[in-house]
Amino acid sequence: MWIWQQENWPHFTWDKNTIEPMLREARLNQGILLGKMASQSHDAKQNMLDTLLANIINSSAIEGEKLNAFSVRSSLANKLGLTEENSFPTTEQTDGIAEIMVDAIENLDSKLSLKRILHWHEKLFPKGYTMLSPIIGGQLRGSEPMQVVSGRIDRPTVHFEAPPREVLDKELEHFIRWFNESIKEGSLDPLLRAAITHIWFVTIHPLDDGNGRITRLLTDLALAQAESQSVRFYAMSVSISAKRKSYYETLEQTQKGSVNITAWLAWFLNTLNETFNDVLREIDQTIFKSNYWQKIDQTKLTSEQVKVLNRMLDGDFEQGINTTQYHKVAKVSKPTATRHLATLVEQGCLVRSESGGRSTRYLLVQ
């Protein structure tokens, strides 16, 4: 039996002893992220542009579609009212994707409706859009069974089968009503609501194509409603894309089980925590880089020295840099590399590691 065939579908359950510690960690990381972002001077719209771009590109990549990042960026910039120096030509599809992404994270008070979902789908697949086969955007799937299969045509392996078309309208009505009402449900943590949104909609699978991308848009909407600021600072689809194999495995495992979705919630929260931690590391690195350069007189450095130091500040050479590596990065001779490194030590930019000889490495001054 598929999960939607269970008698108590869709009344999901989970092991609180497993989930609640992960939920507390996610809430803590989310709070730290908001605090750090609030304390930094940054261009909020520019930051949101970078985040939304990463979300869009990676969400499409999960489904095997490669978008033109330059076109998507220009479409997003136009939608956010930003002027880019090197604007790139946009397409109807990239303009549409930018529109629905911004809608999902900004129009938090707008009720979810079937009309809104189908509008997203229509923008995702504009008229005339084709990949392997023509997709008509803005309409629900037809009467043919919706299955995810692999293997031989005569002996296929069915990984998932969605509810039949005759119950689809009722299933969608139930989901949409729950989504709109659950935002006010005090007993349901908003992050768990986002995870449930994801598994519920992808199970219904109401569209011929694009179900995964619309699911992740709905998840972004739920996360934005959970915290109206933080979702602008992180792109969960980046982490999902990096864990694509386990993502699909966990979804498949959940579809074949009971309405106990502990495994899915654990995967979701673990991935969300990884996303928060990645962003927090980037923020710490940016702060360190800014503070570092405030203590250094760049007028005393060569362009090659600045280039190498920036590479190190960006996370390259975490174990320190040696003469050979400096020579290759700076494109100078080895004797010059040795002199440059000695100068950087004298000026307090780098410190020598304790090991000597050829194994000597140079580390950033903390």
Protein backbone atom coordinates (compact mmCIF):
# COMPACT_ATOMS: atom_id res chain seq x y z
CA MET A 1 0.00 0.00 0.00
CA TRP A 2 1.14 3.52 -0.80
CA ILE A 3 1.03 6.12 1.94
CA TRP A 4 -2.07 7.77 0.44
CA GLN A 5 -3.89 4.41 0.57
CA GLN A 6 -3.50 4.14 4.34
CA GLU A 7 -6.74 4.35 6.28
CA ASN A 8 -5.59 7.35 8.34
CA TRP A 9 -4.07 9.33 5.44
CA PRO A 10 -3.16 12.21 5.67
CA HIS A 11 -3.06 12.34 9.48
CA PHE A 12 0.73 12.18 9.76
CA THR A 13 2.52 11.00 12.89
CA TRP A 14 6.15 11.01 14.00
CA ASP A 15 8.46 10.05 16.84
CA LYS A 16 8.77 13.18 18.97
CA ASN A 17 11.86 11.86 20.77
CA THR A 18 13.67 11.76 17.42
CA ILE A 19 12.31 14.95 15.88
CA GLU A 20 12.13 17.46 18.73
CA PRO A 21 15.92 17.68 19.38
CA MET A 22 16.50 18.28 15.66
CA LEU A 23 13.74 20.86 15.65
CA ARG A 24 15.29 22.71 18.59
CA GLU A 25 18.64 22.76 16.79
CA ALA A 26 17.02 24.15 13.64
CA ARG A 27 15.24 26.85 15.63
CA LEU A 28 18.50 27.80 17.37
CA ASN A 29 20.40 28.00 14.08
CA GLN A 30 17.60 30.02 12.52
CA GLY A 31 17.74 32.49 15.40
CA ILE A 32 21.52 32.80 15.21
CA LEU A 33 21.27 33.41 11.47
CA LEU A 34 18.69 36.17 11.90
CA GLY A 35 20.77 37.78 14.62
CA LYS A 36 23.96 37.76 12.56
CA MET A 37 22.22 39.09 9.46
CA ALA A 38 20.61 41.89 11.49
CA SER A 39 24.01 42.94 12.87
CA GLN A 40 25.66 43.15 9.47
CA SER A 41 25.47 46.07 7.08
CA HIS A 42 24.38 44.54 3.82
CA ASP A 43 22.21 45.20 0.81
CA ALA A 44 19.07 43.19 1.60
CA LYS A 45 17.80 43.10 -1.98
CA GLN A 46 21.17 42.12 -3.39
CA ASN A 47 21.44 39.37 -0.79
CA MET A 48 17.93 38.17 -1.65
CA LEU A 49 18.82 38.17 -5.36
CA ASP A 50 21.79 35.86 -4.76
CA THR A 51 19.76 33.56 -2.52
CA LEU A 52 16.78 33.28 -4.87
CA LEU A 53 19.08 32.69 -7.83
CA ALA A 54 20.75 29.78 -6.03
CA ASN A 55 17.34 28.37 -5.07
CA ILE A 56 15.99 28.51 -8.64
CA ILE A 57 19.08 27.09 -10.34
CA ASN A 58 19.42 24.21 -7.88
CA SER A 59 15.71 23.37 -7.76
CA SER A 60 15.76 22.94 -11.54
CA ALA A 61 19.04 21.02 -11.39
CA ILE A 62 17.44 18.49 -9.02
CA GLU A 63 15.07 17.60 -11.86
CA GLY A 64 17.89 17.49 -14.41
CA GLU A 65 17.14 20.85 -16.06
CA LYS A 66 19.96 23.35 -16.52
CA LEU A 67 18.83 26.96 -16.62
CA ASN A 68 20.88 29.88 -17.90
CA ALA A 69 21.95 31.47 -14.62
CA PHE A 70 22.69 34.84 -16.26
CA SER A 71 19.17 35.07 -17.73
CA VAL A 72 17.57 34.02 -14.44
CA ARG A 73 19.65 36.59 -12.56
CA SER A 74 18.57 39.38 -14.90
CA SER A 75 14.92 38.33 -14.59
CA LEU A 76 15.20 38.35 -10.79
CA ALA A 77 16.95 41.74 -10.80
CA ASN A 78 14.14 43.20 -12.89
CA LYS A 79 11.52 41.70 -10.59
CA LEU A 80 13.26 43.06 -7.48
CA GLY A 81 13.81 46.50 -9.02
CA LEU A 82 17.60 46.18 -9.09
CA THR A 83 19.88 47.60 -11.79
CA GLU A 84 22.67 45.26 -12.90
CA GLU A 85 25.73 46.58 -14.72
CA ASN A 86 25.92 43.61 -17.07
CA SER A 87 22.30 42.72 -17.75
CA PHE A 88 21.71 39.52 -19.74
CA PRO A 89 18.80 38.87 -22.15
CA THR A 90 15.85 37.22 -20.41
CA THR A 91 13.26 34.75 -21.71
CA GLU A 92 9.58 34.23 -21.03
CA GLN A 93 10.50 31.20 -18.93
CA THR A 94 13.16 32.96 -16.80
CA ASP A 95 10.84 35.95 -16.27
CA GLY A 96 8.08 33.56 -15.21
CA ILE A 97 10.30 31.60 -12.83
CA ALA A 98 11.53 34.83 -11.24
CA GLU A 99 7.93 36.00 -10.79
CA ILE A 100 6.74 32.87 -9.01
CA MET A 101 9.86 32.62 -6.82
CA VAL A 102 9.35 36.17 -5.55
CA ASP A 103 5.63 35.48 -5.10
CA ALA A 104 6.42 32.44 -2.95
CA ILE A 105 8.63 34.32 -0.49
CA GLU A 106 7.03 37.78 -0.46
CA ASN A 107 3.24 37.38 -0.72
CA LEU A 108 2.95 35.58 2.58
CA ASP A 109 -0.56 36.78 3.40
CA SER A 110 -2.06 35.68 0.09
CA LYS A 111 -4.15 32.54 0.48
CA LEU A 112 -2.98 29.45 -1.32
CA SER A 113 -5.42 28.38 -4.00
CA LEU A 114 -5.54 25.99 -6.92
CA LYS A 115 -5.52 29.05 -9.19
CA ARG A 116 -2.25 30.21 -7.65
CA ILE A 117 -0.63 26.79 -7.98
CA LEU A 118 -1.69 26.49 -11.62
CA HIS A 119 -0.43 30.02 -12.31
CA TRP A 120 2.98 28.96 -10.98
CA HIS A 121 2.87 25.89 -13.21
CA GLU A 122 1.95 27.99 -16.25
CA LYS A 123 4.91 30.29 -15.62
CA LEU A 124 7.18 27.28 -15.17
CA PHE A 125 6.06 25.86 -18.52
CA PRO A 126 5.15 28.79 -20.83
CA LYS A 127 3.33 28.10 -24.06
CA GLY A 128 5.55 26.30 -26.55
CA TYR A 129 7.95 25.09 -23.86
CA THR A 130 9.31 21.60 -24.49
CA MET A 131 11.93 19.33 -23.02
CA LEU A 132 11.54 15.64 -23.76
CA SER A 133 7.83 16.07 -24.52
CA PRO A 134 5.45 19.03 -24.73
CA ILE A 135 4.08 20.15 -21.37
CA ILE A 136 0.92 22.24 -21.15
CA GLY A 137 1.33 24.58 -18.25
CA GLY A 138 -1.46 25.64 -15.95
CA GLN A 139 -3.52 22.49 -15.85
CA LEU A 140 -3.79 19.34 -13.75
CA ARG A 141 -2.64 15.95 -15.02
CA GLY A 142 -4.91 13.80 -17.12
CA SER A 143 -6.58 10.44 -16.53
CA GLU A 144 -3.48 8.31 -17.19
CA PRO A 145 -1.93 6.75 -14.05
CA MET A 146 0.86 8.90 -12.60
CA GLN A 147 3.80 6.61 -11.88
CA VAL A 148 7.53 7.05 -11.38
CA VAL A 149 9.19 4.00 -12.92
CA SER A 150 12.60 2.71 -13.98
CA GLY A 151 14.04 -0.41 -15.59
CA ARG A 152 12.91 -2.40 -18.62
CA ILE A 153 9.71 -1.42 -20.43
CA ASP A 154 8.33 -4.97 -20.11
CA ARG A 155 9.38 -5.32 -16.45
CA PRO A 156 9.36 -1.83 -14.94
CA THR A 157 10.08 -1.05 -11.30
CA VAL A 158 7.40 1.25 -9.90
CA HIS A 159 9.01 3.62 -7.38
CA PHE A 160 5.87 5.61 -6.73
CA GLU A 161 2.26 5.85 -7.83
CA ALA A 162 0.18 8.95 -7.14
CA PRO A 163 -3.52 8.99 -6.21
CA PRO A 164 -5.77 8.37 -9.27
CA ARG A 165 -7.25 11.28 -11.19
CA GLU A 166 -10.77 10.70 -9.89
CA VAL A 167 -9.74 11.62 -6.33
CA LEU A 168 -7.22 14.31 -7.24
CA ASP A 169 -9.57 17.28 -6.92
CA LYS A 170 -10.64 16.19 -3.45
CA GLU A 171 -7.03 15.56 -2.39
CA LEU A 172 -5.95 19.01 -3.57
CA GLU A 173 -8.90 20.68 -1.87
CA HIS A 174 -7.96 18.97 1.40
CA PHE A 175 -4.28 19.96 1.09
CA ILE A 176 -5.01 23.60 0.22
CA ARG A 177 -7.50 23.94 3.08
CA TRP A 178 -4.95 22.46 5.52
CA PHE A 179 -2.17 24.73 4.24
CA ASN A 180 -4.26 27.88 4.77
CA GLU A 181 -5.60 26.84 8.16
CA SER A 182 -2.44 25.27 9.64
CA ILE A 183 -0.55 28.56 9.60
CA LYS A 184 -2.60 29.54 12.66
CA GLU A 185 -2.28 26.15 14.37
CA GLY A 186 -0.27 26.82 17.51
CA SER A 187 0.47 23.16 18.22
CA LEU A 188 2.24 22.62 14.88
CA ASP A 189 5.77 24.01 14.64
CA PRO A 190 6.10 26.10 11.44
CA LEU A 191 9.24 24.23 10.33
CA LEU A 192 7.42 20.91 10.66
CA ARG A 193 4.56 22.46 8.70
CA ALA A 194 7.02 23.19 5.87
CA ALA A 195 8.27 19.59 5.90
CA ILE A 196 4.70 18.23 5.89
CA THR A 197 3.82 20.60 3.03
CA HIS A 198 6.66 19.06 1.02
CA ILE A 199 5.78 15.40 1.54
CA TRP A 200 2.02 15.93 1.20
CA PHE A 201 2.08 17.85 -2.09
CA VAL A 202 4.70 15.65 -3.74
CA THR A 203 2.57 12.63 -2.80
CA ILE A 204 -0.51 14.10 -4.50
CA HIS A 205 1.62 14.76 -7.60
CA PRO A 206 -1.14 16.73 -9.34
CA LEU A 207 0.75 17.84 -12.46
CA ASP A 208 2.13 16.14 -15.55
CA ASP A 209 5.57 17.62 -14.87
CA GLY A 210 7.13 20.12 -12.51
CA ASN A 211 5.72 18.55 -9.34
CA GLY A 212 9.10 18.69 -7.59
CA ARG A 213 9.71 22.33 -8.44
CA ILE A 214 6.20 23.40 -7.40
CA THR A 215 6.62 21.34 -4.20
CA ARG A 216 9.83 23.20 -3.36
CA LEU A 217 8.13 26.54 -4.10
CA LEU A 218 5.37 25.63 -1.65
CA THR A 219 8.03 24.63 0.87
CA ASP A 220 9.74 28.01 0.39
CA LEU A 221 6.38 29.69 0.96
CA ALA A 222 5.84 27.71 4.16
CA LEU A 223 9.39 28.51 5.36
CA ALA A 224 8.88 32.19 4.55
CA GLN A 225 5.66 32.14 6.56
CA ALA A 226 7.54 30.43 9.39
CA GLU A 227 10.05 33.29 9.50
CA SER A 228 9.45 36.18 7.15
CA GLN A 229 13.12 37.19 6.98
CA SER A 230 15.46 34.20 7.20
CA VAL A 231 14.35 32.43 4.02
CA ARG A 232 15.78 35.38 2.12
CA PHE A 233 19.22 34.49 3.47
CA TYR A 234 19.44 30.81 2.61
CA ALA A 235 18.60 28.48 -0.28
CA MET A 236 17.51 25.06 0.89
CA SER A 237 17.43 23.73 -2.68
CA VAL A 238 21.23 24.01 -2.75
CA SER A 239 21.49 21.46 0.07
CA ILE A 240 18.77 19.26 -1.45
CA SER A 241 20.62 19.24 -4.76
CA ALA A 242 23.85 18.21 -3.01
CA LYS A 243 21.95 15.33 -1.37
CA ARG A 244 19.80 14.47 -4.37
CA LYS A 245 20.26 10.70 -4.08
CA SER A 246 19.24 10.49 -0.42
CA TYR A 247 16.44 13.00 -1.11
CA TYR A 248 14.77 10.70 -3.61
CA GLU A 249 15.50 7.60 -1.54
CA THR A 250 13.85 9.11 1.54
CA LEU A 251 10.83 10.30 -0.45
CA GLU A 252 10.42 6.82 -1.96
CA GLN A 253 10.81 5.13 1.42
CA THR A 254 8.14 7.41 2.88
CA GLN A 255 5.71 6.77 0.02
CA LYS A 256 5.88 3.03 0.66
CA GLY A 257 5.33 3.28 4.39
CA SER A 258 2.69 4.22 6.90
CA VAL A 259 1.63 7.76 7.76
CA ASN A 260 4.49 7.83 10.28
CA ILE A 261 6.85 10.25 8.52
CA THR A 262 9.66 10.34 11.10
CA ALA A 263 12.31 9.39 8.51
CA TRP A 264 11.24 12.20 6.17
CA LEU A 265 11.06 14.83 8.92
CA ALA A 266 14.51 13.80 10.17
CA TRP A 267 15.95 14.11 6.65
CA PHE A 268 14.27 17.48 6.13
CA LEU A 269 15.42 18.97 9.45
CA ASN A 270 18.93 17.59 9.05
CA THR A 271 19.16 19.18 5.59
CA LEU A 272 17.71 22.45 6.89
CA ASN A 273 20.29 22.49 9.70
CA GLU A 274 23.08 21.87 7.19
CA THR A 275 21.74 24.77 5.14
CA PHE A 276 21.76 27.09 8.16
CA ASN A 277 25.28 25.98 9.15
CA ASP A 278 26.62 26.58 5.64
CA VAL A 279 25.23 30.12 5.61
CA LEU A 280 26.55 30.81 9.13
CA ARG A 281 30.02 29.68 8.07
CA GLU A 282 29.85 32.03 5.07
CA ILE A 283 28.81 34.92 7.32
CA ASP A 284 31.65 34.20 9.77
CA GLN A 285 34.09 34.02 6.87
CA THR A 286 32.83 37.35 5.49
CA ILE A 287 33.15 39.00 8.90
CA PHE A 288 36.68 37.63 9.37
CA LYS A 289 37.68 38.82 5.90
CA SER A 290 36.31 42.31 6.54
CA ASN A 291 38.01 42.58 9.93
CA TYR A 292 41.27 41.21 8.51
CA TRP A 293 41.55 43.82 5.78
CA GLN A 294 40.76 46.61 8.25
CA LYS A 295 44.03 45.73 10.04
CA ILE A 296 46.16 45.51 6.89
CA ASP A 297 47.66 48.37 4.87
CA GLN A 298 47.07 47.16 1.32
CA THR A 299 49.18 49.97 -0.13
CA LYS A 300 52.26 48.08 1.10
CA LEU A 301 51.26 44.89 -0.76
CA THR A 302 51.68 43.82 -4.36
CA SER A 303 48.67 42.81 -6.44
CA GLU A 304 49.91 39.19 -6.29
CA GLN A 305 50.03 39.27 -2.50
CA VAL A 306 46.49 40.69 -2.28
CA LYS A 307 45.26 38.01 -4.68
CA VAL A 308 46.74 35.19 -2.60
CA LEU A 309 45.47 36.61 0.69
CA ASN A 310 41.96 36.93 -0.76
CA ARG A 311 42.10 33.32 -1.91
CA MET A 312 43.06 32.28 1.60
CA LEU A 313 40.35 34.47 3.14
CA ASP A 314 37.78 32.87 0.82
CA GLY A 315 38.54 29.47 2.28
CA ASP A 316 41.24 28.13 -0.01
CA PHE A 317 44.35 26.62 1.59
CA GLU A 318 42.71 25.96 4.96
CA GLN A 319 45.88 24.15 6.07
CA GLY A 320 48.02 27.12 5.03
CA ILE A 321 49.89 27.86 1.82
CA ASN A 322 53.43 26.81 0.91
CA THR A 323 55.93 28.34 -1.49
CA THR A 324 54.99 26.10 -4.41
CA GLN A 325 51.29 26.87 -4.07
CA TYR A 326 52.01 30.60 -3.82
CA HIS A 327 54.18 30.39 -6.94
CA LYS A 328 51.31 28.74 -8.89
CA VAL A 329 48.51 31.03 -7.65
CA ALA A 330 50.42 34.31 -7.92
CA LYS A 331 52.14 33.26 -11.16
CA VAL A 332 55.56 34.38 -9.94
CA SER A 333 58.87 32.54 -9.75
CA LYS A 334 59.63 30.40 -6.71
CA PRO A 335 62.35 32.78 -5.43
CA THR A 336 59.86 35.65 -5.74
CA ALA A 337 57.22 33.56 -3.96
CA THR A 338 59.65 33.00 -1.09
CA ARG A 339 60.37 36.74 -0.82
CA HIS A 340 56.65 37.61 -0.98
CA LEU A 341 55.82 35.18 1.81
CA ALA A 342 58.62 36.52 3.99
CA THR A 343 57.32 40.06 3.48
CA LEU A 344 53.77 39.00 4.38
CA VAL A 345 55.10 37.52 7.62
CA GLU A 346 57.05 40.70 8.42
CA GLN A 347 53.94 42.83 7.85
CA GLY A 348 51.78 40.68 10.11
CA CYS A 349 49.59 39.23 7.34
CA LEU A 350 50.74 35.63 7.70
CA VAL A 351 52.44 33.48 10.30
CA ARG A 352 54.79 30.56 9.67
CA SER A 353 53.71 27.12 10.78
CA GLU A 354 55.91 25.32 13.29
CA SER A 355 57.20 22.81 10.75
CA GLY A 356 60.27 23.94 8.84
CA GLY A 357 62.07 23.30 5.58
CA ARG A 358 60.08 22.38 2.50
CA SER A 359 57.02 21.56 4.61
CA THR A 360 56.76 25.14 5.93
CA ARG A 361 53.27 26.52 5.48
CA TYR A 362 51.99 30.03 6.04
CA LEU A 363 48.71 30.70 7.83
CA LEU A 364 46.52 33.77 8.07
CA VAL A 365 47.01 35.81 11.22
CA GLN A 366 43.88 35.36 13.31
